[in-house]
Amino acid sequence: MATHPSYKLASIKNVPHIGENSMAYTTYVWPALLKHLRQMLIADSAMEQGVNWEVKLPVATSSSWTNGTQSNDSTVRRHSFNKSISNLLILRGKELEQVDTNAFKIKQLYSDKVPSPFNYTEWHQPRVFNHHAKSAALVSNSQTFVRPLNICVDKAWKMFNARAYIHQYERYGLTQNDFVDSFGATEQIIADYSRI
């Protein structure tokens, strides 16, 4: 999952999300589960409920990309979707031989920084998970962390500039330079993932 030293963060998305009381009224088919999981990845959604279906991948055409936008009439921002370094798809349950996972292998999902054979892996397990006849999990090294890390760093800088709680850390030997170095390291992670 961490195919490059600058990209070491991974998130997990799992489908289905359903309570035990509702399981008797629900049937799952692989295409529907994988469609939801793929859209959760593209739209960077933690849950399948409320996923933004309007976020789309750019269409693979002969048009070229220029400055992060597609050069045809329908301009699509290249980074309006969650781009990945690598993904691991774990399928558990019945009828695994019928699963079509090609939607997770398309080039537009991935950064050009990692060669194709190393950006996607798939595992199958016939045992059921969490009483679901079919379930899928996606471990993803992607831009998922950019927004939460930005929020965290912004809040930390505000607290640091206001000198909030600094005295408590200084009592144990931390200096202002330690804080600034930590901010710099985290901002570098944000910058690296933003450039995917």
N, C-alpha and C. Protein backbone atom coordinates (compact mmCIF):
# COMPACT_ATOMS: atom_id res chain seq x y z
N MET A 1 0.81 -1.20 0.00
CA MET A 1 0.00 0.00 0.00
C MET A 1 0.86 1.26 0.00
N ALA A 2 1.99 1.25 0.70
CA ALA A 2 2.87 2.41 0.74
C ALA A 2 4.02 2.16 -0.23
N THR A 3 3.75 2.38 -1.51
CA THR A 3 4.72 2.08 -2.55
C THR A 3 5.76 3.17 -2.72
N HIS A 4 5.60 4.28 -2.04
CA HIS A 4 6.52 5.41 -2.12
C HIS A 4 6.69 5.97 -0.71
N PRO A 5 7.91 6.37 -0.31
CA PRO A 5 8.12 6.82 1.07
C PRO A 5 7.31 8.06 1.46
N SER A 6 6.85 8.86 0.50
CA SER A 6 6.08 10.06 0.83
C SER A 6 4.60 9.76 1.08
N TYR A 7 4.16 8.56 0.75
CA TYR A 7 2.73 8.23 0.84
C TYR A 7 2.54 7.02 1.73
N LYS A 8 2.25 7.27 3.01
CA LYS A 8 2.19 6.18 3.99
C LYS A 8 0.85 6.06 4.70
N LEU A 9 -0.16 6.79 4.27
CA LEU A 9 -1.45 6.77 4.96
C LEU A 9 -2.45 5.89 4.21
N ALA A 10 -3.23 5.14 4.94
CA ALA A 10 -4.24 4.28 4.32
C ALA A 10 -5.57 4.42 5.04
N SER A 11 -6.63 4.35 4.26
CA SER A 11 -7.99 4.39 4.82
C SER A 11 -8.71 3.10 4.45
N ILE A 12 -9.79 2.81 5.17
CA ILE A 12 -10.57 1.60 4.89
C ILE A 12 -12.02 2.01 4.65
N LYS A 13 -12.57 1.49 3.58
CA LYS A 13 -13.99 1.66 3.27
C LYS A 13 -14.57 0.25 3.17
N ASN A 14 -15.78 0.06 3.69
CA ASN A 14 -16.36 -1.27 3.75
C ASN A 14 -17.84 -1.20 3.39
N VAL A 15 -18.31 -2.17 2.63
CA VAL A 15 -19.74 -2.31 2.32
C VAL A 15 -20.13 -3.75 2.53
N PRO A 16 -21.32 -4.06 2.93
CA PRO A 16 -22.42 -3.15 3.24
C PRO A 16 -22.36 -2.67 4.69
N HIS A 17 -23.03 -1.55 4.93
CA HIS A 17 -23.25 -1.02 6.27
C HIS A 17 -24.73 -1.21 6.56
N ILE A 18 -25.03 -2.15 7.38
CA ILE A 18 -26.46 -2.40 7.67
C ILE A 18 -26.57 -3.07 9.03
N GLY A 19 -27.61 -2.71 9.75
CA GLY A 19 -27.83 -3.28 11.07
C GLY A 19 -28.33 -4.71 10.99
N GLU A 20 -28.11 -5.47 12.05
CA GLU A 20 -28.52 -6.88 12.08
C GLU A 20 -30.02 -7.04 11.91
N ASN A 21 -30.82 -6.09 12.40
CA ASN A 21 -32.28 -6.19 12.30
C ASN A 21 -32.75 -6.08 10.85
N SER A 22 -31.99 -5.42 10.00
CA SER A 22 -32.39 -5.22 8.61
C SER A 22 -31.84 -6.26 7.66
N MET A 23 -30.93 -7.11 8.12
CA MET A 23 -30.27 -8.06 7.23
C MET A 23 -31.24 -9.04 6.59
N ALA A 24 -32.28 -9.42 7.28
CA ALA A 24 -33.24 -10.39 6.74
C ALA A 24 -34.00 -9.83 5.54
N TYR A 25 -34.05 -8.52 5.39
CA TYR A 25 -34.83 -7.89 4.32
C TYR A 25 -33.94 -7.40 3.18
N THR A 26 -32.68 -7.76 3.19
CA THR A 26 -31.74 -7.22 2.22
C THR A 26 -31.06 -8.34 1.45
N THR A 27 -30.95 -8.16 0.16
CA THR A 27 -30.16 -9.09 -0.66
C THR A 27 -29.05 -8.30 -1.31
N TYR A 28 -27.91 -8.93 -1.44
CA TYR A 28 -26.76 -8.25 -2.02
C TYR A 28 -26.34 -8.95 -3.30
N VAL A 29 -25.97 -8.17 -4.26
CA VAL A 29 -25.36 -8.69 -5.48
C VAL A 29 -24.03 -7.94 -5.65
N TRP A 30 -23.04 -8.64 -6.18
CA TRP A 30 -21.71 -8.04 -6.29
C TRP A 30 -21.68 -6.74 -7.09
N PRO A 31 -22.36 -6.64 -8.23
CA PRO A 31 -22.28 -5.37 -8.97
C PRO A 31 -22.76 -4.16 -8.16
N ALA A 32 -23.82 -4.32 -7.39
CA ALA A 32 -24.32 -3.19 -6.59
C ALA A 32 -23.35 -2.84 -5.47
N LEU A 33 -22.82 -3.85 -4.78
CA LEU A 33 -21.86 -3.58 -3.70
C LEU A 33 -20.62 -2.86 -4.24
N LEU A 34 -20.09 -3.34 -5.35
CA LEU A 34 -18.87 -2.74 -5.89
C LEU A 34 -19.12 -1.36 -6.49
N LYS A 35 -20.31 -1.15 -7.02
CA LYS A 35 -20.66 0.18 -7.54
C LYS A 35 -20.65 1.20 -6.39
N HIS A 36 -21.25 0.83 -5.26
CA HIS A 36 -21.27 1.72 -4.10
C HIS A 36 -19.85 1.94 -3.56
N LEU A 37 -19.08 0.88 -3.46
CA LEU A 37 -17.72 1.00 -2.93
C LEU A 37 -16.84 1.86 -3.82
N ARG A 38 -16.97 1.70 -5.12
CA ARG A 38 -16.19 2.51 -6.06
C ARG A 38 -16.57 3.99 -5.95
N GLN A 39 -17.87 4.27 -5.84
CA GLN A 39 -18.29 5.66 -5.72
C GLN A 39 -17.85 6.25 -4.38
N MET A 40 -17.83 5.42 -3.33
CA MET A 40 -17.31 5.89 -2.05
C MET A 40 -15.85 6.30 -2.19
N LEU A 41 -15.07 5.55 -2.96
CA LEU A 41 -13.68 5.89 -3.21
C LEU A 41 -13.56 7.18 -4.01
N ILE A 42 -14.27 7.26 -5.10
CA ILE A 42 -14.17 8.43 -5.99
C ILE A 42 -14.62 9.70 -5.28
N ALA A 43 -15.74 9.63 -4.55
CA ALA A 43 -16.30 10.82 -3.89
C ALA A 43 -15.71 11.03 -2.50
N ASP A 44 -14.84 10.13 -2.06
CA ASP A 44 -14.21 10.21 -0.75
C ASP A 44 -15.25 10.24 0.37
N SER A 45 -16.11 9.23 0.35
CA SER A 45 -17.17 9.11 1.34
C SER A 45 -16.85 7.97 2.29
N ALA A 46 -17.08 8.19 3.58
CA ALA A 46 -16.80 7.15 4.57
C ALA A 46 -17.91 6.10 4.64
N MET A 47 -19.12 6.49 4.27
CA MET A 47 -20.27 5.59 4.36
C MET A 47 -20.98 5.55 3.02
N GLU A 48 -21.68 4.44 2.76
CA GLU A 48 -22.40 4.35 1.50
C GLU A 48 -23.69 5.18 1.50
N GLN A 49 -24.25 5.46 2.69
CA GLN A 49 -25.40 6.34 2.76
C GLN A 49 -24.91 7.77 2.57
N GLY A 50 -25.56 8.51 1.72
CA GLY A 50 -25.21 9.90 1.50
C GLY A 50 -24.01 10.11 0.61
N VAL A 51 -23.57 9.09 -0.10
CA VAL A 51 -22.43 9.25 -1.01
C VAL A 51 -22.82 10.20 -2.15
N ASN A 52 -21.89 11.02 -2.57
CA ASN A 52 -22.14 12.00 -3.63
C ASN A 52 -21.98 11.32 -4.99
N TRP A 53 -23.09 11.06 -5.67
CA TRP A 53 -23.06 10.38 -6.96
C TRP A 53 -22.73 11.33 -8.10
N GLU A 54 -22.65 12.62 -7.82
CA GLU A 54 -22.33 13.59 -8.88
C GLU A 54 -20.83 13.67 -9.16
N VAL A 55 -20.01 13.20 -8.24
CA VAL A 55 -18.56 13.22 -8.47
C VAL A 55 -18.23 12.11 -9.46
N LYS A 56 -17.60 12.48 -10.56
CA LYS A 56 -17.29 11.52 -11.62
C LYS A 56 -15.81 11.58 -11.96
N LEU A 57 -15.31 10.48 -12.49
CA LEU A 57 -13.96 10.45 -13.05
C LEU A 57 -13.99 11.13 -14.41
N PRO A 58 -12.86 11.71 -14.82
CA PRO A 58 -12.83 12.25 -16.17
C PRO A 58 -12.94 11.13 -17.18
N VAL A 59 -13.58 11.40 -18.29
CA VAL A 59 -13.77 10.40 -19.32
C VAL A 59 -12.45 10.20 -20.05
N ALA A 60 -12.05 8.96 -20.23
CA ALA A 60 -10.81 8.66 -20.95
C ALA A 60 -11.06 8.84 -22.44
N THR A 61 -10.60 9.97 -22.97
CA THR A 61 -10.75 10.26 -24.40
C THR A 61 -9.39 10.58 -24.98
N SER A 62 -9.38 10.91 -26.23
CA SER A 62 -8.12 11.27 -26.89
C SER A 62 -7.73 12.71 -26.58
N SER A 63 -8.61 13.47 -25.93
CA SER A 63 -8.27 14.85 -25.59
C SER A 63 -7.16 14.86 -24.56
N SER A 64 -6.34 15.86 -24.58
CA SER A 64 -5.20 15.91 -23.67
C SER A 64 -5.53 16.75 -22.45
N TRP A 65 -4.78 16.52 -21.39
CA TRP A 65 -4.94 17.28 -20.16
C TRP A 65 -3.97 18.46 -20.21
N THR A 66 -4.47 19.63 -19.85
CA THR A 66 -3.63 20.81 -19.81
C THR A 66 -3.86 21.55 -18.51
N ASN A 67 -2.82 21.77 -17.76
CA ASN A 67 -2.92 22.52 -16.50
C ASN A 67 -4.01 21.98 -15.57
N GLY A 68 -4.17 20.67 -15.53
CA GLY A 68 -5.12 20.09 -14.60
C GLY A 68 -6.55 20.08 -15.10
N THR A 69 -6.81 20.53 -16.33
CA THR A 69 -8.18 20.50 -16.85
C THR A 69 -8.18 19.80 -18.20
N GLN A 70 -9.31 19.26 -18.55
CA GLN A 70 -9.44 18.58 -19.83
C GLN A 70 -9.66 19.64 -20.89
N SER A 71 -9.09 19.42 -22.08
CA SER A 71 -9.10 20.47 -23.09
C SER A 71 -10.36 20.49 -23.95
N ASN A 72 -11.32 19.59 -23.78
CA ASN A 72 -12.53 19.67 -24.58
C ASN A 72 -13.53 20.64 -23.93
N ASP A 73 -14.71 20.79 -24.52
CA ASP A 73 -15.67 21.79 -24.07
C ASP A 73 -16.16 21.57 -22.64
N SER A 74 -16.39 20.32 -22.26
CA SER A 74 -16.87 20.07 -20.90
C SER A 74 -15.67 19.96 -19.97
N THR A 75 -15.30 21.07 -19.39
CA THR A 75 -14.12 21.12 -18.54
C THR A 75 -14.40 20.40 -17.23
N VAL A 76 -13.54 19.44 -16.90
CA VAL A 76 -13.65 18.67 -15.67
C VAL A 76 -12.36 18.88 -14.90
N ARG A 77 -12.46 19.31 -13.66
CA ARG A 77 -11.25 19.46 -12.85
C ARG A 77 -10.65 18.09 -12.58
N ARG A 78 -9.37 17.98 -12.79
CA ARG A 78 -8.69 16.70 -12.61
C ARG A 78 -8.75 16.23 -11.17
N HIS A 79 -8.72 17.14 -10.22
CA HIS A 79 -8.68 16.75 -8.81
C HIS A 79 -10.03 16.95 -8.11
N SER A 80 -11.12 16.91 -8.85
CA SER A 80 -12.42 17.03 -8.20
C SER A 80 -12.85 15.69 -7.61
N PHE A 81 -12.08 14.65 -7.83
CA PHE A 81 -12.37 13.34 -7.27
C PHE A 81 -11.16 12.89 -6.45
N ASN A 82 -11.36 11.86 -5.67
CA ASN A 82 -10.33 11.32 -4.80
C ASN A 82 -9.40 10.42 -5.61
N LYS A 83 -8.17 10.83 -5.80
CA LYS A 83 -7.21 10.06 -6.59
C LYS A 83 -6.37 9.18 -5.66
N SER A 84 -5.99 8.00 -6.13
CA SER A 84 -5.30 7.01 -5.29
C SER A 84 -3.86 6.78 -5.75
N ILE A 85 -3.04 6.41 -4.79
CA ILE A 85 -1.70 5.88 -5.06
C ILE A 85 -1.85 4.38 -5.31
N SER A 86 -2.56 3.71 -4.40
CA SER A 86 -2.79 2.27 -4.54
C SER A 86 -4.05 1.87 -3.78
N ASN A 87 -4.64 0.76 -4.21
CA ASN A 87 -5.83 0.23 -3.57
C ASN A 87 -5.72 -1.28 -3.42
N LEU A 88 -6.24 -1.78 -2.31
CA LEU A 88 -6.35 -3.21 -2.07
C LEU A 88 -7.83 -3.52 -1.87
N LEU A 89 -8.40 -4.30 -2.77
CA LEU A 89 -9.81 -4.69 -2.69
C LEU A 89 -9.90 -6.09 -2.09
N ILE A 90 -10.65 -6.22 -1.00
CA ILE A 90 -10.81 -7.50 -0.31
C ILE A 90 -12.28 -7.91 -0.43
N LEU A 91 -12.52 -9.01 -1.13
CA LEU A 91 -13.88 -9.51 -1.34
C LEU A 91 -14.07 -10.75 -0.48
N ARG A 92 -15.19 -10.79 0.25
CA ARG A 92 -15.49 -11.92 1.12
C ARG A 92 -16.90 -12.41 0.84
N GLY A 93 -17.03 -13.73 0.78
CA GLY A 93 -18.36 -14.30 0.65
C GLY A 93 -18.51 -15.25 -0.50
N LYS A 94 -19.74 -15.33 -1.01
CA LYS A 94 -20.12 -16.31 -2.02
C LYS A 94 -19.97 -15.75 -3.42
N GLU A 95 -19.91 -16.65 -4.38
CA GLU A 95 -19.92 -16.34 -5.82
C GLU A 95 -18.78 -15.41 -6.22
N LEU A 96 -17.61 -15.59 -5.64
CA LEU A 96 -16.46 -14.73 -5.94
C LEU A 96 -16.00 -14.86 -7.38
N GLU A 97 -16.24 -16.01 -8.00
CA GLU A 97 -15.80 -16.20 -9.39
C GLU A 97 -16.61 -15.36 -10.37
N GLN A 98 -17.75 -14.83 -9.93
CA GLN A 98 -18.59 -14.02 -10.81
C GLN A 98 -18.33 -12.52 -10.69
N VAL A 99 -17.41 -12.12 -9.82
CA VAL A 99 -17.20 -10.70 -9.55
C VAL A 99 -16.37 -10.04 -10.65
N ASP A 100 -16.87 -8.91 -11.14
CA ASP A 100 -16.13 -8.12 -12.13
C ASP A 100 -15.57 -6.88 -11.42
N THR A 101 -14.27 -6.83 -11.26
CA THR A 101 -13.62 -5.73 -10.53
C THR A 101 -12.88 -4.77 -11.46
N ASN A 102 -13.14 -4.82 -12.74
CA ASN A 102 -12.43 -3.97 -13.69
C ASN A 102 -12.61 -2.48 -13.42
N ALA A 103 -13.71 -2.09 -12.80
CA ALA A 103 -13.95 -0.67 -12.50
C ALA A 103 -12.93 -0.11 -11.52
N PHE A 104 -12.27 -0.97 -10.74
CA PHE A 104 -11.24 -0.52 -9.80
C PHE A 104 -9.85 -0.50 -10.42
N LYS A 105 -9.74 -0.94 -11.65
CA LYS A 105 -8.44 -1.05 -12.31
C LYS A 105 -8.17 0.05 -13.32
N ILE A 106 -9.13 0.93 -13.55
CA ILE A 106 -8.96 1.92 -14.61
C ILE A 106 -7.94 2.99 -14.22
N LYS A 107 -7.23 3.45 -15.19
CA LYS A 107 -6.08 4.35 -15.01
C LYS A 107 -6.45 5.67 -14.34
N GLN A 108 -7.64 6.21 -14.62
CA GLN A 108 -8.03 7.51 -14.09
C GLN A 108 -8.12 7.54 -12.57
N LEU A 109 -8.28 6.40 -11.93
CA LEU A 109 -8.36 6.34 -10.47
C LEU A 109 -7.01 6.59 -9.80
N TYR A 110 -5.92 6.39 -10.53
CA TYR A 110 -4.61 6.32 -9.91
C TYR A 110 -3.66 7.42 -10.37
N SER A 111 -2.71 7.71 -9.50
CA SER A 111 -1.65 8.64 -9.81
C SER A 111 -0.68 8.00 -10.79
N ASP A 112 -0.02 8.83 -11.57
CA ASP A 112 1.00 8.35 -12.50
C ASP A 112 2.30 8.03 -11.79
N LYS A 113 2.40 8.34 -10.50
CA LYS A 113 3.63 8.15 -9.74
C LYS A 113 3.96 6.68 -9.49
N VAL A 114 2.96 5.81 -9.57
CA VAL A 114 3.16 4.39 -9.30
C VAL A 114 2.80 3.60 -10.55
N PRO A 115 3.67 2.70 -11.00
CA PRO A 115 3.36 1.91 -12.20
C PRO A 115 2.14 1.00 -11.98
N SER A 116 1.45 0.71 -13.07
CA SER A 116 0.20 -0.05 -13.03
C SER A 116 0.25 -1.36 -12.25
N PRO A 117 1.23 -2.20 -12.39
CA PRO A 117 1.12 -3.47 -11.66
C PRO A 117 1.11 -3.31 -10.14
N PHE A 118 1.55 -2.16 -9.63
CA PHE A 118 1.68 -1.98 -8.19
C PHE A 118 0.58 -1.12 -7.57
N ASN A 119 -0.34 -0.60 -8.36
CA ASN A 119 -1.33 0.30 -7.79
C ASN A 119 -2.65 -0.39 -7.43
N TYR A 120 -2.83 -1.64 -7.81
CA TYR A 120 -4.08 -2.33 -7.49
C TYR A 120 -3.79 -3.79 -7.13
N THR A 121 -4.38 -4.24 -6.02
CA THR A 121 -4.28 -5.63 -5.59
C THR A 121 -5.67 -6.09 -5.17
N GLU A 122 -5.92 -7.37 -5.36
CA GLU A 122 -7.24 -7.92 -5.03
C GLU A 122 -7.07 -9.23 -4.28
N TRP A 123 -7.82 -9.38 -3.20
CA TRP A 123 -7.82 -10.62 -2.41
C TRP A 123 -9.24 -11.16 -2.35
N HIS A 124 -9.35 -12.48 -2.37
CA HIS A 124 -10.66 -13.15 -2.24
C HIS A 124 -10.64 -14.06 -1.03
N GLN A 125 -11.75 -14.09 -0.31
CA GLN A 125 -11.89 -14.95 0.85
C GLN A 125 -13.33 -15.50 0.84
N PRO A 126 -13.50 -16.83 0.70
CA PRO A 126 -14.86 -17.38 0.62
C PRO A 126 -15.63 -17.34 1.94
N ARG A 127 -14.94 -17.18 3.07
CA ARG A 127 -15.65 -17.10 4.35
C ARG A 127 -16.41 -15.78 4.44
N VAL A 128 -17.58 -15.82 5.04
CA VAL A 128 -18.38 -14.61 5.20
C VAL A 128 -17.79 -13.74 6.31
N PHE A 129 -18.11 -12.48 6.26
CA PHE A 129 -17.61 -11.53 7.25
C PHE A 129 -18.79 -10.80 7.88
N ASN A 130 -18.85 -10.79 9.20
CA ASN A 130 -19.86 -10.04 9.93
C ASN A 130 -21.28 -10.45 9.53
N HIS A 131 -21.48 -11.74 9.27
CA HIS A 131 -22.78 -12.33 8.93
C HIS A 131 -23.32 -11.88 7.57
N HIS A 132 -22.51 -11.23 6.75
CA HIS A 132 -22.95 -10.81 5.41
C HIS A 132 -22.54 -11.87 4.41
N ALA A 133 -23.47 -12.30 3.58
CA ALA A 133 -23.16 -13.32 2.57
C ALA A 133 -22.11 -12.80 1.59
N LYS A 134 -22.12 -11.49 1.34
CA LYS A 134 -21.15 -10.86 0.46
C LYS A 134 -20.75 -9.53 1.07
N SER A 135 -19.46 -9.28 1.11
CA SER A 135 -18.99 -7.98 1.59
C SER A 135 -17.68 -7.65 0.90
N ALA A 136 -17.39 -6.36 0.86
CA ALA A 136 -16.17 -5.88 0.22
C ALA A 136 -15.55 -4.78 1.08
N ALA A 137 -14.24 -4.81 1.16
CA ALA A 137 -13.49 -3.76 1.86
C ALA A 137 -12.44 -3.22 0.90
N LEU A 138 -12.18 -1.95 1.00
CA LEU A 138 -11.18 -1.30 0.17
C LEU A 138 -10.20 -0.57 1.07
N VAL A 139 -8.96 -1.03 1.07
CA VAL A 139 -7.89 -0.33 1.78
C VAL A 139 -7.25 0.56 0.73
N SER A 140 -7.25 1.86 0.99
CA SER A 140 -6.85 2.82 -0.04
C SER A 140 -5.80 3.79 0.47
N ASN A 141 -4.76 3.95 -0.29
CA ASN A 141 -3.75 4.97 -0.06
C ASN A 141 -4.08 6.08 -1.05
N SER A 142 -4.82 7.08 -0.59
CA SER A 142 -5.38 8.09 -1.49
C SER A 142 -5.38 9.47 -0.84
N GLN A 143 -6.02 10.40 -1.51
CA GLN A 143 -6.10 11.79 -1.04
C GLN A 143 -7.11 11.98 0.08
N THR A 144 -7.65 10.94 0.62
CA THR A 144 -8.66 11.01 1.68
C THR A 144 -8.23 11.89 2.84
N PHE A 145 -6.94 11.91 3.15
CA PHE A 145 -6.47 12.58 4.36
C PHE A 145 -6.18 14.07 4.17
N VAL A 146 -6.24 14.59 2.97
CA VAL A 146 -5.88 15.99 2.73
C VAL A 146 -6.78 16.94 3.51
N ARG A 147 -8.08 16.78 3.37
CA ARG A 147 -9.02 17.70 4.03
C ARG A 147 -8.93 17.62 5.56
N PRO A 148 -8.98 16.42 6.18
CA PRO A 148 -8.90 16.39 7.65
C PRO A 148 -7.56 16.89 8.19
N LEU A 149 -6.46 16.59 7.50
CA LEU A 149 -5.16 17.09 7.95
C LEU A 149 -5.08 18.60 7.84
N ASN A 150 -5.64 19.17 6.78
CA ASN A 150 -5.68 20.63 6.63
C ASN A 150 -6.42 21.28 7.78
N ILE A 151 -7.56 20.72 8.14
CA ILE A 151 -8.35 21.27 9.25
C ILE A 151 -7.55 21.19 10.54
N CYS A 152 -6.92 20.06 10.77
CA CYS A 152 -6.14 19.85 11.99
C CYS A 152 -4.96 20.83 12.07
N VAL A 153 -4.22 20.99 10.97
CA VAL A 153 -3.06 21.89 10.97
C VAL A 153 -3.50 23.34 11.14
N ASP A 154 -4.59 23.74 10.48
CA ASP A 154 -5.09 25.11 10.64
C ASP A 154 -5.44 25.40 12.10
N LYS A 155 -6.14 24.48 12.72
CA LYS A 155 -6.52 24.66 14.13
C LYS A 155 -5.28 24.68 15.02
N ALA A 156 -4.32 23.80 14.74
CA ALA A 156 -3.10 23.74 15.55
C ALA A 156 -2.29 25.03 15.42
N TRP A 157 -2.18 25.57 14.20
CA TRP A 157 -1.47 26.84 14.01
C TRP A 157 -2.14 27.97 14.79
N LYS A 158 -3.48 28.01 14.76
CA LYS A 158 -4.19 29.06 15.50
C LYS A 158 -3.93 28.95 17.00
N MET A 159 -3.97 27.72 17.51
CA MET A 159 -3.70 27.53 18.94
C MET A 159 -2.24 27.87 19.27
N PHE A 160 -1.34 27.49 18.40
CA PHE A 160 0.08 27.77 18.62
C PHE A 160 0.33 29.28 18.62
N ASN A 161 -0.24 29.99 17.65
CA ASN A 161 -0.07 31.44 17.57
C ASN A 161 -0.70 32.17 18.75
N ALA A 162 -1.74 31.58 19.32
CA ALA A 162 -2.37 32.16 20.50
C ALA A 162 -1.66 31.71 21.78
N ARG A 163 -0.65 30.87 21.63
CA ARG A 163 0.14 30.31 22.73
C ARG A 163 -0.73 29.47 23.69
N ALA A 164 -1.77 28.87 23.16
CA ALA A 164 -2.66 28.04 23.97
C ALA A 164 -1.96 26.74 24.35
N TYR A 165 -1.89 26.47 25.61
CA TYR A 165 -1.35 25.24 26.19
C TYR A 165 0.16 25.05 25.95
N ILE A 166 0.85 26.00 25.35
CA ILE A 166 2.27 25.86 25.04
C ILE A 166 3.08 25.64 26.33
N HIS A 167 2.72 26.35 27.38
CA HIS A 167 3.48 26.24 28.63
C HIS A 167 3.48 24.81 29.18
N GLN A 168 2.40 24.08 28.94
CA GLN A 168 2.35 22.70 29.43
C GLN A 168 3.36 21.80 28.71
N TYR A 169 3.58 22.05 27.44
CA TYR A 169 4.55 21.26 26.68
C TYR A 169 5.98 21.70 26.99
N GLU A 170 6.18 23.00 27.20
CA GLU A 170 7.51 23.50 27.50
C GLU A 170 8.03 22.95 28.83
N ARG A 171 7.13 22.66 29.75
CA ARG A 171 7.53 22.05 31.03
C ARG A 171 8.24 20.72 30.84
N TYR A 172 7.92 20.03 29.77
CA TYR A 172 8.50 18.72 29.51
C TYR A 172 9.57 18.75 28.41
N GLY A 173 10.09 19.93 28.13
CA GLY A 173 11.24 20.04 27.24
C GLY A 173 10.96 20.32 25.78
N LEU A 174 9.71 20.40 25.38
CA LEU A 174 9.41 20.74 24.00
C LEU A 174 9.60 22.24 23.79
N THR A 175 10.15 22.59 22.64
CA THR A 175 10.37 24.00 22.32
C THR A 175 9.44 24.41 21.19
N GLN A 176 9.44 25.70 20.90
CA GLN A 176 8.63 26.19 19.80
C GLN A 176 9.12 25.59 18.47
N ASN A 177 10.42 25.35 18.37
CA ASN A 177 10.95 24.74 17.15
C ASN A 177 10.40 23.34 16.93
N ASP A 178 10.16 22.59 18.00
CA ASP A 178 9.56 21.26 17.88
C ASP A 178 8.17 21.36 17.26
N PHE A 179 7.40 22.35 17.68
CA PHE A 179 6.07 22.56 17.10
C PHE A 179 6.16 22.93 15.63
N VAL A 180 7.04 23.87 15.31
CA VAL A 180 7.19 24.32 13.93
C VAL A 180 7.65 23.16 13.04
N ASP A 181 8.57 22.33 13.53
CA ASP A 181 9.02 21.17 12.75
C ASP A 181 7.87 20.20 12.50
N SER A 182 7.03 19.99 13.51
CA SER A 182 5.87 19.10 13.36
C SER A 182 4.87 19.65 12.36
N PHE A 183 4.64 20.96 12.43
CA PHE A 183 3.74 21.58 11.44
C PHE A 183 4.30 21.41 10.03
N GLY A 184 5.60 21.62 9.90
CA GLY A 184 6.24 21.49 8.59
C GLY A 184 6.12 20.09 8.04
N ALA A 185 6.34 19.08 8.88
CA ALA A 185 6.24 17.68 8.43
C ALA A 185 4.81 17.35 8.00
N THR A 186 3.84 17.82 8.76
CA THR A 186 2.44 17.54 8.41
C THR A 186 2.03 18.29 7.15
N GLU A 187 2.48 19.53 7.01
CA GLU A 187 2.17 20.29 5.79
C GLU A 187 2.82 19.66 4.56
N GLN A 188 3.98 19.02 4.73
CA GLN A 188 4.61 18.31 3.62
C GLN A 188 3.77 17.11 3.20
N ILE A 189 3.20 16.39 4.16
CA ILE A 189 2.31 15.26 3.85
C ILE A 189 1.11 15.76 3.05
N ILE A 190 0.52 16.87 3.50
CA ILE A 190 -0.63 17.45 2.80
C ILE A 190 -0.25 17.83 1.38
N ALA A 191 0.90 18.47 1.22
CA ALA A 191 1.35 18.89 -0.13
C ALA A 191 1.60 17.69 -1.03
N ASP A 192 2.22 16.64 -0.49
CA ASP A 192 2.49 15.44 -1.30
C ASP A 192 1.20 14.79 -1.78
N TYR A 193 0.24 14.61 -0.87
CA TYR A 193 -1.02 13.99 -1.26
C TYR A 193 -1.85 14.90 -2.17
N SER A 194 -1.73 16.20 -2.03
CA SER A 194 -2.47 17.12 -2.89
C SER A 194 -1.98 17.07 -4.33
N ARG A 195 -0.70 16.73 -4.50
CA ARG A 195 -0.10 16.70 -5.85
C ARG A 195 -0.31 15.37 -6.58
N ILE A 196 -1.01 14.44 -5.97
CA ILE A 196 -1.22 13.14 -6.63
C ILE A 196 -1.89 13.37 -7.98
